[in-house]
Amino acid sequence: MKNDCDVLINDVENIFDDLGSCLVNTFDTRKSKASVVKSLFSFGGSLTKLAFDTTTCAIKNAPKAVVAVAAVKREIIDAIEEEVYDYQKQQKIDALDAQIKQLQLKKNV
């Protein structure tokens, strides 16, 4: 079974093939109007298929994307919380060290 990327790449390739045929049929004076219209409809059909497959892929993979974003967000929040905790802890240690030094100076005076 093809994965989503393979399907979308195949759709894009079909669009370029149909666009090429459409341009050739449009500018070739030997081609009939019916063949030009047929190639235009083929090109439009390829565009529609790509739009449909892209939408299907987005809907199908949306839950995975939401879970991935939530996991990244949780990791970022955890890292920030840890940094804040470490900063606050260091501030308390520095304040206690300053108080100890003040008490030692008072004791020595």
PDB file of N, CA and C in Angstrom:
ATOM      1  N   MET A   1       0.837  -1.187   0.000  1.00  0.00           N
ATOM      2  CA  MET A   1       0.000   0.000   0.000  1.00  0.00           C
ATOM      3  C   MET A   1       0.875   1.242   0.000  1.00  0.00           C
ATOM      4  N   LYS A   2       0.510   2.213  -0.798  1.00  0.00           N
ATOM      5  CA  LYS A   2       1.298   3.442  -0.895  1.00  0.00           C
ATOM      6  C   LYS A   2       1.073   4.304   0.335  1.00  0.00           C
ATOM      7  N   ASN A   3       2.148   4.970   0.767  1.00  0.00           N
ATOM      8  CA  ASN A   3       1.960   5.913   1.869  1.00  0.00           C
ATOM      9  C   ASN A   3       1.499   7.251   1.310  1.00  0.00           C
ATOM     10  N   ASP A   4       1.167   8.163   2.210  1.00  0.00           N
ATOM     11  CA  ASP A   4       0.581   9.444   1.797  1.00  0.00           C
ATOM     12  C   ASP A   4       1.509  10.235   0.883  1.00  0.00           C
ATOM     13  N   CYS A   5       2.787  10.240   1.180  1.00  0.00           N
ATOM     14  CA  CYS A   5       3.738  10.999   0.360  1.00  0.00           C
ATOM     15  C   CYS A   5       3.790  10.455  -1.063  1.00  0.00           C
ATOM     16  N   ASP A   6       3.791   9.132  -1.203  1.00  0.00           N
ATOM     17  CA  ASP A   6       3.820   8.524  -2.540  1.00  0.00           C
ATOM     18  C   ASP A   6       2.579   8.908  -3.344  1.00  0.00           C
ATOM     19  N   VAL A   7       1.426   8.914  -2.691  1.00  0.00           N
ATOM     20  CA  VAL A   7       0.183   9.270  -3.368  1.00  0.00           C
ATOM     21  C   VAL A   7       0.236  10.720  -3.835  1.00  0.00           C
ATOM     22  N   LEU A   8       0.677  11.614  -2.951  1.00  0.00           N
ATOM     23  CA  LEU A   8       0.729  13.031  -3.309  1.00  0.00           C
ATOM     24  C   LEU A   8       1.757  13.298  -4.406  1.00  0.00           C
ATOM     25  N   ILE A   9       2.904  12.636  -4.335  1.00  0.00           N
ATOM     26  CA  ILE A   9       3.925  12.800  -5.379  1.00  0.00           C
ATOM     27  C   ILE A   9       3.396  12.293  -6.717  1.00  0.00           C
ATOM     28  N   ASN A  10       2.700  11.173  -6.695  1.00  0.00           N
ATOM     29  CA  ASN A  10       2.109  10.626  -7.923  1.00  0.00           C
ATOM     30  C   ASN A  10       1.077  11.595  -8.495  1.00  0.00           C
ATOM     31  N   ASP A  11       0.282  12.212  -7.608  1.00  0.00           N
ATOM     32  CA  ASP A  11      -0.715  13.186  -8.069  1.00  0.00           C
ATOM     33  C   ASP A  11      -0.044  14.388  -8.731  1.00  0.00           C
ATOM     34  N   VAL A  12       1.035  14.871  -8.139  1.00  0.00           N
ATOM     35  CA  VAL A  12       1.755  16.023  -8.705  1.00  0.00           C
ATOM     36  C   VAL A  12       2.359  15.659 -10.059  1.00  0.00           C
ATOM     37  N   GLU A  13       2.929  14.463 -10.157  1.00  0.00           N
ATOM     38  CA  GLU A  13       3.476  14.013 -11.445  1.00  0.00           C
ATOM     39  C   GLU A  13       2.378  13.961 -12.508  1.00  0.00           C
ATOM     40  N   ASN A  14       1.206  13.477 -12.128  1.00  0.00           N
ATOM     41  CA  ASN A  14       0.086  13.424 -13.083  1.00  0.00           C
ATOM     42  C   ASN A  14      -0.338  14.820 -13.515  1.00  0.00           C
ATOM     43  N   ILE A  15      -0.306  15.761 -12.585  1.00  0.00           N
ATOM     44  CA  ILE A  15      -0.668  17.138 -12.935  1.00  0.00           C
ATOM     45  C   ILE A  15       0.295  17.679 -13.986  1.00  0.00           C
ATOM     46  N   PHE A  16       1.599  17.465 -13.781  1.00  0.00           N
ATOM     47  CA  PHE A  16       2.569  17.976 -14.746  1.00  0.00           C
ATOM     48  C   PHE A  16       2.432  17.277 -16.101  1.00  0.00           C
ATOM     49  N   ASP A  17       2.173  15.976 -16.078  1.00  0.00           N
ATOM     50  CA  ASP A  17       1.945  15.256 -17.342  1.00  0.00           C
ATOM     51  C   ASP A  17       0.722  15.812 -18.074  1.00  0.00           C
ATOM     52  N   ASP A  18      -0.368  15.997 -17.318  1.00  0.00           N
ATOM     53  CA  ASP A  18      -1.595  16.519 -17.936  1.00  0.00           C
ATOM     54  C   ASP A  18      -1.417  17.964 -18.399  1.00  0.00           C
ATOM     55  N   LEU A  19      -0.674  18.752 -17.654  1.00  0.00           N
ATOM     56  CA  LEU A  19      -0.412  20.134 -18.055  1.00  0.00           C
ATOM     57  C   LEU A  19       0.394  20.164 -19.352  1.00  0.00           C
ATOM     58  N   GLY A  20       1.397  19.286 -19.431  1.00  0.00           N
ATOM     59  CA  GLY A  20       2.188  19.197 -20.663  1.00  0.00           C
ATOM     60  C   GLY A  20       1.327  18.813 -21.856  1.00  0.00           C
ATOM     61  N   SER A  21       0.468  17.820 -21.681  1.00  0.00           N
ATOM     62  CA  SER A  21      -0.427  17.398 -22.765  1.00  0.00           C
ATOM     63  C   SER A  21      -1.386  18.522 -23.140  1.00  0.00           C
ATOM     64  N   CYS A  22      -1.865  19.208 -22.128  1.00  0.00           N
ATOM     65  CA  CYS A  22      -2.795  20.320 -22.364  1.00  0.00           C
ATOM     66  C   CYS A  22      -2.124  21.415 -23.186  1.00  0.00           C
ATOM     67  N   LEU A  23      -0.901  21.768 -22.826  1.00  0.00           N
ATOM     68  CA  LEU A  23      -0.185  22.817 -23.559  1.00  0.00           C
ATOM     69  C   LEU A  23       0.112  22.385 -24.992  1.00  0.00           C
ATOM     70  N   VAL A  24       0.532  21.136 -25.151  1.00  0.00           N
ATOM     71  CA  VAL A  24       0.817  20.634 -26.497  1.00  0.00           C
ATOM     72  C   VAL A  24      -0.454  20.664 -27.343  1.00  0.00           C
ATOM     73  N   ASN A  25      -1.559  20.182 -26.790  1.00  0.00           N
ATOM     74  CA  ASN A  25      -2.822  20.156 -27.548  1.00  0.00           C
ATOM     75  C   ASN A  25      -3.333  21.564 -27.837  1.00  0.00           C
ATOM     76  N   THR A  26      -3.125  22.486 -26.938  1.00  0.00           N
ATOM     77  CA  THR A  26      -3.616  23.850 -27.116  1.00  0.00           C
ATOM     78  C   THR A  26      -2.865  24.562 -28.229  1.00  0.00           C
ATOM     79  N   PHE A  27      -1.556  24.395 -28.287  1.00  0.00           N
ATOM     80  CA  PHE A  27      -0.758  25.140 -29.263  1.00  0.00           C
ATOM     81  C   PHE A  27      -0.496  24.384 -30.557  1.00  0.00           C
ATOM     82  N   ASP A  28      -0.906  23.127 -30.621  1.00  0.00           N
ATOM     83  CA  ASP A  28      -0.749  22.350 -31.855  1.00  0.00           C
ATOM     84  C   ASP A  28      -1.978  22.606 -32.737  1.00  0.00           C
ATOM     85  N   THR A  29      -1.742  23.242 -33.868  1.00  0.00           N
ATOM     86  CA  THR A  29      -2.857  23.619 -34.755  1.00  0.00           C
ATOM     87  C   THR A  29      -3.521  22.406 -35.403  1.00  0.00           C
ATOM     88  N   ARG A  30      -2.853  21.258 -35.406  1.00  0.00           N
ATOM     89  CA  ARG A  30      -3.431  20.060 -36.011  1.00  0.00           C
ATOM     90  C   ARG A  30      -4.412  19.353 -35.084  1.00  0.00           C
ATOM     91  N   LYS A  31      -4.402  19.716 -33.785  1.00  0.00           N
ATOM     92  CA  LYS A  31      -5.299  19.061 -32.823  1.00  0.00           C
ATOM     93  C   LYS A  31      -6.694  19.681 -32.900  1.00  0.00           C
ATOM     94  N   SER A  32      -7.690  18.854 -32.669  1.00  0.00           N
ATOM     95  CA  SER A  32      -9.072  19.348 -32.719  1.00  0.00           C
ATOM     96  C   SER A  32      -9.432  20.020 -31.395  1.00  0.00           C
ATOM     97  N   LYS A  33     -10.491  20.784 -31.436  1.00  0.00           N
ATOM     98  CA  LYS A  33     -10.962  21.452 -30.217  1.00  0.00           C
ATOM     99  C   LYS A  33     -11.374  20.421 -29.168  1.00  0.00           C
ATOM    100  N   ALA A  34     -11.889  19.302 -29.609  1.00  0.00           N
ATOM    101  CA  ALA A  34     -12.319  18.256 -28.681  1.00  0.00           C
ATOM    102  C   ALA A  34     -11.129  17.707 -27.901  1.00  0.00           C
ATOM    103  N   SER A  35      -9.984  17.517 -28.567  1.00  0.00           N
ATOM    104  CA  SER A  35      -8.822  16.993 -27.858  1.00  0.00           C
ATOM    105  C   SER A  35      -8.259  18.023 -26.881  1.00  0.00           C
ATOM    106  N   VAL A  36      -8.380  19.312 -27.226  1.00  0.00           N
ATOM    107  CA  VAL A  36      -7.947  20.373 -26.311  1.00  0.00           C
ATOM    108  C   VAL A  36      -8.835  20.376 -25.080  1.00  0.00           C
ATOM    109  N   VAL A  37     -10.148  20.305 -25.287  1.00  0.00           N
ATOM    110  CA  VAL A  37     -11.096  20.296 -24.162  1.00  0.00           C
ATOM    111  C   VAL A  37     -10.876  19.058 -23.303  1.00  0.00           C
ATOM    112  N   LYS A  38     -10.631  17.922 -23.961  1.00  0.00           N
ATOM    113  CA  LYS A  38     -10.387  16.674 -23.219  1.00  0.00           C
ATOM    114  C   LYS A  38      -9.144  16.818 -22.349  1.00  0.00           C
ATOM    115  N   SER A  39      -8.082  17.406 -22.886  1.00  0.00           N
ATOM    116  CA  SER A  39      -6.858  17.570 -22.101  1.00  0.00           C
ATOM    117  C   SER A  39      -7.066  18.573 -20.959  1.00  0.00           C
ATOM    118  N   LEU A  40      -7.880  19.606 -21.180  1.00  0.00           N
ATOM    119  CA  LEU A  40      -8.192  20.554 -20.102  1.00  0.00           C
ATOM    120  C   LEU A  40      -8.961  19.867 -18.976  1.00  0.00           C
ATOM    121  N   PHE A  41      -9.942  19.031 -19.342  1.00  0.00           N
ATOM    122  CA  PHE A  41     -10.688  18.297 -18.325  1.00  0.00           C
ATOM    123  C   PHE A  41      -9.785  17.312 -17.579  1.00  0.00           C
ATOM    124  N   SER A  42      -8.871  16.703 -18.286  1.00  0.00           N
ATOM    125  CA  SER A  42      -7.930  15.776 -17.645  1.00  0.00           C
ATOM    126  C   SER A  42      -7.047  16.520 -16.642  1.00  0.00           C
ATOM    127  N   PHE A  43      -6.589  17.698 -17.042  1.00  0.00           N
ATOM    128  CA  PHE A  43      -5.775  18.522 -16.151  1.00  0.00           C
ATOM    129  C   PHE A  43      -6.588  18.941 -14.920  1.00  0.00           C
ATOM    130  N   GLY A  44      -7.816  19.369 -15.134  1.00  0.00           N
ATOM    131  CA  GLY A  44      -8.696  19.743 -14.024  1.00  0.00           C
ATOM    132  C   GLY A  44      -8.974  18.575 -13.098  1.00  0.00           C
ATOM    133  N   GLY A  45      -9.151  17.400 -13.681  1.00  0.00           N
ATOM    134  CA  GLY A  45      -9.363  16.194 -12.868  1.00  0.00           C
ATOM    135  C   GLY A  45      -8.155  15.865 -12.010  1.00  0.00           C
ATOM    136  N   SER A  46      -6.970  16.044 -12.582  1.00  0.00           N
ATOM    137  CA  SER A  46      -5.746  15.794 -11.810  1.00  0.00           C
ATOM    138  C   SER A  46      -5.613  16.778 -10.657  1.00  0.00           C
ATOM    139  N   LEU A  47      -5.943  18.044 -10.914  1.00  0.00           N
ATOM    140  CA  LEU A  47      -5.904  19.047  -9.838  1.00  0.00           C
ATOM    141  C   LEU A  47      -6.896  18.706  -8.730  1.00  0.00           C
ATOM    142  N   THR A  48      -8.086  18.268  -9.126  1.00  0.00           N
ATOM    143  CA  THR A  48      -9.106  17.900  -8.150  1.00  0.00           C
ATOM    144  C   THR A  48      -8.660  16.701  -7.326  1.00  0.00           C
ATOM    145  N   LYS A  49      -8.059  15.708  -7.984  1.00  0.00           N
ATOM    146  CA  LYS A  49      -7.577  14.518  -7.263  1.00  0.00           C
ATOM    147  C   LYS A  49      -6.493  14.902  -6.270  1.00  0.00           C
ATOM    148  N   LEU A  50      -5.582  15.785  -6.664  1.00  0.00           N
ATOM    149  CA  LEU A  50      -4.540  16.240  -5.742  1.00  0.00           C
ATOM    150  C   LEU A  50      -5.150  16.952  -4.545  1.00  0.00           C
ATOM    151  N   ALA A  51      -6.117  17.827  -4.789  1.00  0.00           N
ATOM    152  CA  ALA A  51      -6.774  18.548  -3.696  1.00  0.00           C
ATOM    153  C   ALA A  51      -7.472  17.573  -2.750  1.00  0.00           C
ATOM    154  N   PHE A  52      -8.159  16.597  -3.303  1.00  0.00           N
ATOM    155  CA  PHE A  52      -8.853  15.604  -2.485  1.00  0.00           C
ATOM    156  C   PHE A  52      -7.865  14.772  -1.666  1.00  0.00           C
ATOM    157  N   ASP A  53      -6.810  14.276  -2.313  1.00  0.00           N
ATOM    158  CA  ASP A  53      -5.822  13.456  -1.603  1.00  0.00           C
ATOM    159  C   ASP A  53      -5.083  14.257  -0.540  1.00  0.00           C
ATOM    160  N   THR A  54      -4.806  15.533  -0.823  1.00  0.00           N
ATOM    161  CA  THR A  54      -4.135  16.386   0.160  1.00  0.00           C
ATOM    162  C   THR A  54      -5.027  16.596   1.373  1.00  0.00           C
ATOM    163  N   THR A  55      -6.307  16.858   1.132  1.00  0.00           N
ATOM    164  CA  THR A  55      -7.253  17.038   2.231  1.00  0.00           C
ATOM    165  C   THR A  55      -7.392  15.753   3.046  1.00  0.00           C
ATOM    166  N   THR A  56      -7.494  14.631   2.369  1.00  0.00           N
ATOM    167  CA  THR A  56      -7.597  13.341   3.050  1.00  0.00           C
ATOM    168  C   THR A  56      -6.366  13.090   3.912  1.00  0.00           C
ATOM    169  N   CYS A  57      -5.201  13.370   3.366  1.00  0.00           N
ATOM    170  CA  CYS A  57      -3.943  13.184   4.097  1.00  0.00           C
ATOM    171  C   CYS A  57      -3.907  14.088   5.326  1.00  0.00           C
ATOM    172  N   ALA A  58      -4.325  15.330   5.169  1.00  0.00           N
ATOM    173  CA  ALA A  58      -4.304  16.271   6.300  1.00  0.00           C
ATOM    174  C   ALA A  58      -5.253  15.816   7.394  1.00  0.00           C
ATOM    175  N   ILE A  59      -6.445  15.377   7.015  1.00  0.00           N
ATOM    176  CA  ILE A  59      -7.419  14.924   8.006  1.00  0.00           C
ATOM    177  C   ILE A  59      -6.934  13.654   8.695  1.00  0.00           C
ATOM    178  N   LYS A  60      -6.380  12.738   7.910  1.00  0.00           N
ATOM    179  CA  LYS A  60      -5.920  11.467   8.462  1.00  0.00           C
ATOM    180  C   LYS A  60      -4.758  11.663   9.432  1.00  0.00           C
ATOM    181  N   ASN A  61      -3.872  12.602   9.132  1.00  0.00           N
ATOM    182  CA  ASN A  61      -2.677  12.787   9.949  1.00  0.00           C
ATOM    183  C   ASN A  61      -2.815  13.880  11.006  1.00  0.00           C
ATOM    184  N   ALA A  62      -3.953  14.550  11.061  1.00  0.00           N
ATOM    185  CA  ALA A  62      -4.147  15.622  12.045  1.00  0.00           C
ATOM    186  C   ALA A  62      -3.986  15.136  13.477  1.00  0.00           C
ATOM    187  N   PRO A  63      -4.571  13.986  13.863  1.00  0.00           N
ATOM    188  CA  PRO A  63      -4.378  13.541  15.253  1.00  0.00           C
ATOM    189  C   PRO A  63      -2.909  13.289  15.590  1.00  0.00           C
ATOM    190  N   LYS A  64      -2.159  12.740  14.648  1.00  0.00           N
ATOM    191  CA  LYS A  64      -0.733  12.499  14.887  1.00  0.00           C
ATOM    192  C   LYS A  64       0.001  13.818  15.085  1.00  0.00           C
ATOM    193  N   ALA A  65      -0.356  14.812  14.284  1.00  0.00           N
ATOM    194  CA  ALA A  65       0.290  16.120  14.391  1.00  0.00           C
ATOM    195  C   ALA A  65      -0.042  16.779  15.723  1.00  0.00           C
ATOM    196  N   VAL A  66      -1.289  16.665  16.152  1.00  0.00           N
ATOM    197  CA  VAL A  66      -1.689  17.257  17.437  1.00  0.00           C
ATOM    198  C   VAL A  66      -0.928  16.610  18.581  1.00  0.00           C
ATOM    199  N   VAL A  67      -0.805  15.294  18.549  1.00  0.00           N
ATOM    200  CA  VAL A  67      -0.072  14.585  19.604  1.00  0.00           C
ATOM    201  C   VAL A  67       1.404  14.985  19.591  1.00  0.00           C
ATOM    202  N   ALA A  68       1.981  15.097  18.408  1.00  0.00           N
ATOM    203  CA  ALA A  68       3.393  15.479  18.315  1.00  0.00           C
ATOM    204  C   ALA A  68       3.610  16.893  18.831  1.00  0.00           C
ATOM    205  N   VAL A  69       2.725  17.813  18.469  1.00  0.00           N
ATOM    206  CA  VAL A  69       2.849  19.190  18.947  1.00  0.00           C
ATOM    207  C   VAL A  69       2.691  19.244  20.461  1.00  0.00           C
ATOM    208  N   ALA A  70       1.743  18.488  20.996  1.00  0.00           N
ATOM    209  CA  ALA A  70       1.533  18.463  22.447  1.00  0.00           C
ATOM    210  C   ALA A  70       2.756  17.914  23.167  1.00  0.00           C
ATOM    211  N   ALA A  71       3.382  16.886  22.598  1.00  0.00           N
ATOM    212  CA  ALA A  71       4.572  16.310  23.220  1.00  0.00           C
ATOM    213  C   ALA A  71       5.728  17.320  23.224  1.00  0.00           C
ATOM    214  N   VAL A  72       5.915  18.012  22.116  1.00  0.00           N
ATOM    215  CA  VAL A  72       6.978  19.018  22.040  1.00  0.00           C
ATOM    216  C   VAL A  72       6.696  20.145  23.024  1.00  0.00           C
ATOM    217  N   LYS A  73       5.448  20.570  23.081  1.00  0.00           N
ATOM    218  CA  LYS A  73       5.057  21.639  24.011  1.00  0.00           C
ATOM    219  C   LYS A  73       5.342  21.214  25.452  1.00  0.00           C
ATOM    220  N   ARG A  74       4.996  19.975  25.800  1.00  0.00           N
ATOM    221  CA  ARG A  74       5.231  19.476  27.160  1.00  0.00           C
ATOM    222  C   ARG A  74       6.728  19.472  27.477  1.00  0.00           C
ATOM    223  N   GLU A  75       7.543  19.053  26.517  1.00  0.00           N
ATOM    224  CA  GLU A  75       8.994  19.040  26.736  1.00  0.00           C
ATOM    225  C   GLU A  75       9.530  20.453  26.952  1.00  0.00           C
ATOM    226  N   ILE A  76       9.040  21.392  26.179  1.00  0.00           N
ATOM    227  CA  ILE A  76       9.492  22.785  26.328  1.00  0.00           C
ATOM    228  C   ILE A  76       9.078  23.329  27.690  1.00  0.00           C
ATOM    229  N   ILE A  77       7.827  23.076  28.077  1.00  0.00           N
ATOM    230  CA  ILE A  77       7.348  23.549  29.373  1.00  0.00           C
ATOM    231  C   ILE A  77       8.142  22.913  30.509  1.00  0.00           C
ATOM    232  N   ASP A  78       8.407  21.615  30.408  1.00  0.00           N
ATOM    233  CA  ASP A  78       9.200  20.944  31.438  1.00  0.00           C
ATOM    234  C   ASP A  78      10.599  21.541  31.553  1.00  0.00           C
ATOM    235  N   ALA A  79      11.211  21.833  30.412  1.00  0.00           N
ATOM    236  CA  ALA A  79      12.553  22.418  30.430  1.00  0.00           C
ATOM    237  C   ALA A  79      12.529  23.811  31.052  1.00  0.00           C
ATOM    238  N   ILE A  80      11.512  24.600  30.718  1.00  0.00           N
ATOM    239  CA  ILE A  80      11.408  25.947  31.289  1.00  0.00           C
ATOM    240  C   ILE A  80      11.174  25.864  32.789  1.00  0.00           C
ATOM    241  N   GLU A  81      10.280  24.975  33.211  1.00  0.00           N
ATOM    242  CA  GLU A  81      10.009  24.822  34.648  1.00  0.00           C
ATOM    243  C   GLU A  81      11.275  24.405  35.405  1.00  0.00           C
ATOM    244  N   GLU A  82      12.044  23.518  34.816  1.00  0.00           N
ATOM    245  CA  GLU A  82      13.278  23.080  35.454  1.00  0.00           C
ATOM    246  C   GLU A  82      14.275  24.228  35.577  1.00  0.00           C
ATOM    247  N   GLU A  83      14.388  25.029  34.525  1.00  0.00           N
ATOM    248  CA  GLU A  83      15.297  26.176  34.564  1.00  0.00           C
ATOM    249  C   GLU A  83      14.855  27.196  35.612  1.00  0.00           C
ATOM    250  N   VAL A  84      13.558  27.451  35.685  1.00  0.00           N
ATOM    251  CA  VAL A  84      13.035  28.390  36.679  1.00  0.00           C
ATOM    252  C   VAL A  84      13.300  27.866  38.089  1.00  0.00           C
ATOM    253  N   TYR A  85      13.066  26.582  38.295  1.00  0.00           N
ATOM    254  CA  TYR A  85      13.324  25.973  39.606  1.00  0.00           C
ATOM    255  C   TYR A  85      14.799  26.090  39.976  1.00  0.00           C
ATOM    256  N   ASP A  86      15.679  25.768  39.039  1.00  0.00           N
ATOM    257  CA  ASP A  86      17.116  25.872  39.305  1.00  0.00           C
ATOM    258  C   ASP A  86      17.517  27.316  39.599  1.00  0.00           C
ATOM    259  N   TYR A  87      16.949  28.262  38.881  1.00  0.00           N
ATOM    260  CA  TYR A  87      17.257  29.682  39.102  1.00  0.00           C
ATOM    261  C   TYR A  87      16.804  30.111  40.489  1.00  0.00           C
ATOM    262  N   GLN A  88      15.568  29.739  40.856  1.00  0.00           N
ATOM    263  CA  GLN A  88      15.053  30.108  42.174  1.00  0.00           C
ATOM    264  C   GLN A  88      15.871  29.463  43.287  1.00  0.00           C
ATOM    265  N   LYS A  89      16.263  28.232  43.087  1.00  0.00           N
ATOM    266  CA  LYS A  89      17.083  27.533  44.074  1.00  0.00           C
ATOM    267  C   LYS A  89      18.421  28.246  44.244  1.00  0.00           C
ATOM    268  N   GLN A  90      19.036  28.642  43.132  1.00  0.00           N
ATOM    269  CA  GLN A  90      20.315  29.342  43.195  1.00  0.00           C
ATOM    270  C   GLN A  90      20.159  30.702  43.879  1.00  0.00           C
ATOM    271  N   GLN A  91      19.042  31.385  43.622  1.00  0.00           N
ATOM    272  CA  GLN A  91      18.784  32.667  44.279  1.00  0.00           C
ATOM    273  C   GLN A  91      18.682  32.493  45.793  1.00  0.00           C
ATOM    274  N   LYS A  92      18.008  31.438  46.246  1.00  0.00           N
ATOM    275  CA  LYS A  92      17.899  31.162  47.685  1.00  0.00           C
ATOM    276  C   LYS A  92      19.259  30.842  48.288  1.00  0.00           C
ATOM    277  N   ILE A  93      20.041  30.056  47.591  1.00  0.00           N
ATOM    278  CA  ILE A  93      21.389  29.710  48.078  1.00  0.00           C
ATOM    279  C   ILE A  93      22.236  30.970  48.183  1.00  0.00           C
ATOM    280  N   ASP A  94      22.164  31.825  47.159  1.00  0.00           N
ATOM    281  CA  ASP A  94      22.936  33.076  47.179  1.00  0.00           C
ATOM    282  C   ASP A  94      22.481  33.978  48.328  1.00  0.00           C
ATOM    283  N   ALA A  95      21.169  34.043  48.574  1.00  0.00           N
ATOM    284  CA  ALA A  95      20.652  34.872  49.674  1.00  0.00           C
ATOM    285  C   ALA A  95      21.116  34.331  51.025  1.00  0.00           C
ATOM    286  N   LEU A  96      21.089  33.007  51.184  1.00  0.00           N
ATOM    287  CA  LEU A  96      21.554  32.404  52.438  1.00  0.00           C
ATOM    288  C   LEU A  96      23.052  32.631  52.631  1.00  0.00           C
ATOM    289  N   ASP A  97      23.808  32.498  51.555  1.00  0.00           N
ATOM    290  CA  ASP A  97      25.255  32.754  51.643  1.00  0.00           C
ATOM    291  C   ASP A  97      25.520  34.200  52.067  1.00  0.00           C
ATOM    292  N   ALA A  98      24.749  35.125  51.528  1.00  0.00           N
ATOM    293  CA  ALA A  98      24.912  36.540  51.880  1.00  0.00           C
ATOM    294  C   ALA A  98      24.571  36.763  53.346  1.00  0.00           C
ATOM    295  N   GLN A  99      23.525  36.119  53.840  1.00  0.00           N
ATOM    296  CA  GLN A  99      23.156  36.253  55.251  1.00  0.00           C
ATOM    297  C   GLN A  99      24.227  35.658  56.157  1.00  0.00           C
ATOM    298  N   ILE A 100      24.760  34.511  55.762  1.00  0.00           N
ATOM    299  CA  ILE A 100      25.829  33.881  56.557  1.00  0.00           C
ATOM    300  C   ILE A 100      27.041  34.793  56.635  1.00  0.00           C
ATOM    301  N   LYS A 101      27.415  35.414  55.518  1.00  0.00           N
ATOM    302  CA  LYS A 101      28.549  36.315  55.513  1.00  0.00           C
ATOM    303  C   LYS A 101      28.294  37.539  56.404  1.00  0.00           C
ATOM    304  N   GLN A 102      27.056  38.056  56.369  1.00  0.00           N
ATOM    305  CA  GLN A 102      26.728  39.188  57.219  1.00  0.00           C
ATOM    306  C   GLN A 102      26.811  38.820  58.695  1.00  0.00           C
ATOM    307  N   LEU A 103      26.311  37.601  59.014  1.00  0.00           N
ATOM    308  CA  LEU A 103      26.369  37.174  60.410  1.00  0.00           C
ATOM    309  C   LEU A 103      27.817  36.947  60.865  1.00  0.00           C
ATOM    310  N   GLN A 104      28.641  36.408  59.966  1.00  0.00           N
ATOM    311  CA  GLN A 104      30.038  36.199  60.311  1.00  0.00           C
ATOM    312  C   GLN A 104      30.739  37.534  60.516  1.00  0.00           C
ATOM    313  N   LEU A 105      30.420  38.537  59.702  1.00  0.00           N
ATOM    314  CA  LEU A 105      31.032  39.856  59.859  1.00  0.00           C
ATOM    315  C   LEU A 105      30.598  40.491  61.183  1.00  0.00           C
ATOM    316  N   LYS A 106      29.328  40.336  61.545  1.00  0.00           N
ATOM    317  CA  LYS A 106      28.847  40.885  62.806  1.00  0.00           C
ATOM    318  C   LYS A 106      29.493  40.193  63.986  1.00  0.00           C
ATOM    319  N   LYS A 107      29.705  38.890  63.828  1.00  0.00           N
ATOM    320  CA  LYS A 107      30.298  38.091  64.896  1.00  0.00           C
ATOM    321  C   LYS A 107      31.760  38.501  65.096  1.00  0.00           C
ATOM    322  N   ASN A 108      32.452  38.780  63.993  1.00  0.00           N
ATOM    323  CA  ASN A 108      33.869  39.139  64.058  1.00  0.00           C
ATOM    324  C   ASN A 108      34.063  40.592  64.525  1.00  0.00           C
ATOM    325  N   VAL A 109      33.071  41.382  64.454  1.00  0.00           N
ATOM    326  CA  VAL A 109      33.233  42.798  64.821  1.00  0.00           C
ATOM    327  C   VAL A 109      33.088  42.996  66.289  1.00  0.00           C
TER     328      VAL A 109
END
